[in-house]
Amino acid sequence: MPRSVTVLALTAALLFAAPVASAQTPPPAKAAAASYFLLKLTPPRPTFPQDMTPAELAVMRQHVAYWTAAAQRGQVVVFGPVPDPAGAWGMAVIRAPDLAAARALSAQDPAMIAALGMRTDIFPMPQAMVIAAPAPAPAPSAQD
């Protein structure tokens, strides 16, 4: 099975679990420690990707830059938009020592700071299996 299908299948399975914490609700009394967390960013409206205002677009550019920098620091395994027919949303799988650190990383997201009406749900992944991506195939040469 291709790696992208495996990652998507695992992500989809996790989304049906109840979130451990939300950026808008207090965390539960005790959350299981995990080194990986799935973050689900729900926009303020289902049509958000199609009808962002210029100000929202500027914030979302900062949002992408923030998560790109976090990925370059090794805190993010994968992130990006999910084009769900019911309404697009964003996801990230992050590395963090605990739920508090995952919440802190999410709280510094420009999309959350800007108070656009986004919601982030955080799901622990205590049994996450990380598989290194295979090296990309070399590009065909002009002689091929």
Protein backbone atom coordinates (compact mmCIF):
# COMPACT_ATOMS: atom_id res chain seq x y z
CA MET A 1 0.00 0.00 0.00
CA PRO A 2 1.46 3.42 -0.89
CA ARG A 3 2.72 5.45 2.08
CA SER A 4 0.33 8.34 1.41
CA VAL A 5 -2.66 5.98 1.53
CA THR A 6 -1.40 4.48 4.80
CA VAL A 7 -0.94 7.91 6.39
CA LEU A 8 -4.38 9.03 5.22
CA ALA A 9 -6.02 5.84 6.50
CA LEU A 10 -4.39 6.23 9.91
CA THR A 11 -5.32 9.91 10.04
CA ALA A 12 -8.93 9.18 9.10
CA ALA A 13 -9.18 6.50 11.79
CA LEU A 14 -7.93 8.94 14.40
CA LEU A 15 -10.44 11.59 13.42
CA PHE A 16 -13.30 9.40 14.55
CA ALA A 17 -11.90 9.30 18.10
CA ALA A 18 -12.99 11.92 20.60
CA PRO A 19 -10.53 14.81 20.88
CA VAL A 20 -8.47 15.03 24.04
CA ALA A 21 -8.32 18.81 24.02
CA SER A 22 -9.55 21.78 22.10
CA ALA A 23 -7.94 25.18 21.88
CA GLN A 24 -11.32 26.59 22.97
CA THR A 25 -12.01 24.20 25.84
CA PRO A 26 -9.97 23.36 28.93
CA PRO A 27 -7.93 20.15 28.76
CA PRO A 28 -9.16 17.06 30.59
CA ALA A 29 -7.81 16.43 34.08
CA LYS A 30 -5.37 13.80 32.78
CA ALA A 31 -4.32 13.18 29.20
CA ALA A 32 -2.23 10.23 28.10
CA ALA A 33 1.37 11.15 27.41
CA ALA A 34 2.33 10.70 23.78
CA SER A 35 5.14 11.85 21.58
CA TYR A 36 2.94 12.42 18.55
CA PHE A 37 -0.31 14.37 18.28
CA LEU A 38 -2.81 14.95 15.49
CA LEU A 39 -4.04 18.53 15.30
CA LYS A 40 -7.28 19.23 13.45
CA LEU A 41 -7.86 22.88 12.53
CA THR A 42 -11.49 23.64 11.75
CA PRO A 43 -12.07 26.93 9.93
CA PRO A 44 -14.85 29.37 10.83
CA ARG A 45 -17.01 28.27 7.89
CA PRO A 46 -17.05 25.33 5.43
CA THR A 47 -16.41 27.63 2.46
CA PHE A 48 -13.38 29.31 4.05
CA PRO A 49 -10.82 28.18 1.42
CA GLN A 50 -12.98 29.56 -1.39
CA ASP A 51 -14.10 32.86 0.16
CA MET A 52 -11.30 34.08 2.43
CA THR A 53 -11.10 37.82 2.78
CA PRO A 54 -7.77 39.49 1.97
CA ALA A 55 -7.08 39.80 5.71
CA GLU A 56 -7.85 36.09 6.26
CA LEU A 57 -5.61 35.17 3.33
CA ALA A 58 -2.76 37.17 4.86
CA VAL A 59 -3.20 35.31 8.16
CA MET A 60 -3.30 31.95 6.38
CA ARG A 61 -0.01 32.76 4.63
CA GLN A 62 1.49 33.42 8.08
CA HIS A 63 -0.10 30.14 9.27
CA VAL A 64 1.64 28.18 6.47
CA ALA A 65 4.96 29.90 7.20
CA TYR A 66 4.61 29.08 10.92
CA TRP A 67 3.97 25.36 10.33
CA THR A 68 6.68 25.19 7.63
CA ALA A 69 9.21 26.57 10.12
CA ALA A 70 8.01 24.10 12.77
CA ALA A 71 8.47 21.27 10.23
CA GLN A 72 11.98 22.46 9.46
CA ARG A 73 12.74 22.35 13.22
CA GLY A 74 11.54 18.72 13.29
CA GLN A 75 8.38 19.41 15.31
CA VAL A 76 6.00 18.53 12.48
CA VAL A 77 5.79 15.22 10.62
CA VAL A 78 3.19 16.35 8.08
CA PHE A 79 0.67 19.18 7.75
CA GLY A 80 -1.74 20.55 5.19
CA PRO A 81 -5.33 21.10 4.14
CA VAL A 82 -7.88 18.31 3.88
CA PRO A 83 -10.45 18.94 1.11
CA ASP A 84 -13.39 17.32 2.89
CA PRO A 85 -16.64 17.59 0.85
CA ALA A 86 -18.42 18.67 4.05
CA GLY A 87 -15.98 21.54 4.48
CA ALA A 88 -12.21 21.73 4.27
CA TRP A 89 -10.07 21.63 7.40
CA GLY A 90 -6.39 21.48 8.21
CA MET A 91 -4.33 18.83 9.93
CA ALA A 92 -0.87 18.35 11.32
CA VAL A 93 0.89 15.45 12.96
CA ILE A 94 3.39 16.90 15.42
CA ARG A 95 6.09 15.70 17.79
CA ALA A 96 5.75 17.09 21.31
CA PRO A 97 6.82 15.87 24.75
CA ASP A 98 3.30 16.17 26.15
CA LEU A 99 -0.17 17.62 25.64
CA ALA A 100 0.81 20.97 27.18
CA ALA A 101 3.60 21.35 24.60
CA ALA A 102 1.23 20.39 21.77
CA ARG A 103 -1.29 22.97 23.00
CA ALA A 104 1.45 25.60 23.24
CA LEU A 105 2.60 24.94 19.66
CA SER A 106 -0.99 25.24 18.45
CA ALA A 107 -1.63 28.39 20.48
CA GLN A 108 1.23 30.20 18.72
CA ASP A 109 -0.26 29.49 15.28
CA PRO A 110 -1.03 32.87 13.65
CA ALA A 111 -4.44 31.47 12.63
CA MET A 112 -5.26 31.00 16.32
CA ILE A 113 -3.72 34.29 17.48
CA ALA A 114 -5.70 36.24 14.86
CA ALA A 115 -8.98 35.01 16.40
CA LEU A 116 -10.60 34.25 13.04
CA GLY A 117 -12.96 31.74 14.65
CA MET A 118 -10.76 28.71 14.02
CA ARG A 119 -10.83 25.73 16.38
CA THR A 120 -8.01 23.28 16.96
CA ASP A 121 -8.70 19.82 18.36
CA ILE A 122 -5.73 17.83 19.60
CA PHE A 123 -5.64 14.04 19.55
CA PRO A 124 -2.79 12.06 21.19
CA MET A 125 -1.23 9.29 19.12
CA PRO A 126 0.39 7.06 21.77
CA GLN A 127 0.87 4.19 19.31
CA ALA A 128 1.99 6.20 16.28
CA MET A 129 4.26 4.37 13.87
CA VAL A 130 6.54 6.65 11.89
CA ILE A 131 8.01 5.15 8.75
CA ALA A 132 10.72 7.00 6.86
CA ALA A 133 9.71 8.05 3.39
CA PRO A 134 11.59 6.28 0.59
CA ALA A 135 14.04 8.36 -1.39
CA PRO A 136 12.44 9.87 -4.48
CA ALA A 137 13.18 8.20 -7.78
CA PRO A 138 15.78 10.04 -9.87
CA ALA A 139 14.40 12.20 -12.65
CA PRO A 140 14.81 10.73 -16.12
CA SER A 141 17.75 12.17 -18.00
CA ALA A 142 17.56 13.56 -21.51
CA GLN A 143 19.37 10.43 -22.69
CA ASP A 144 16.60 8.09 -21.44
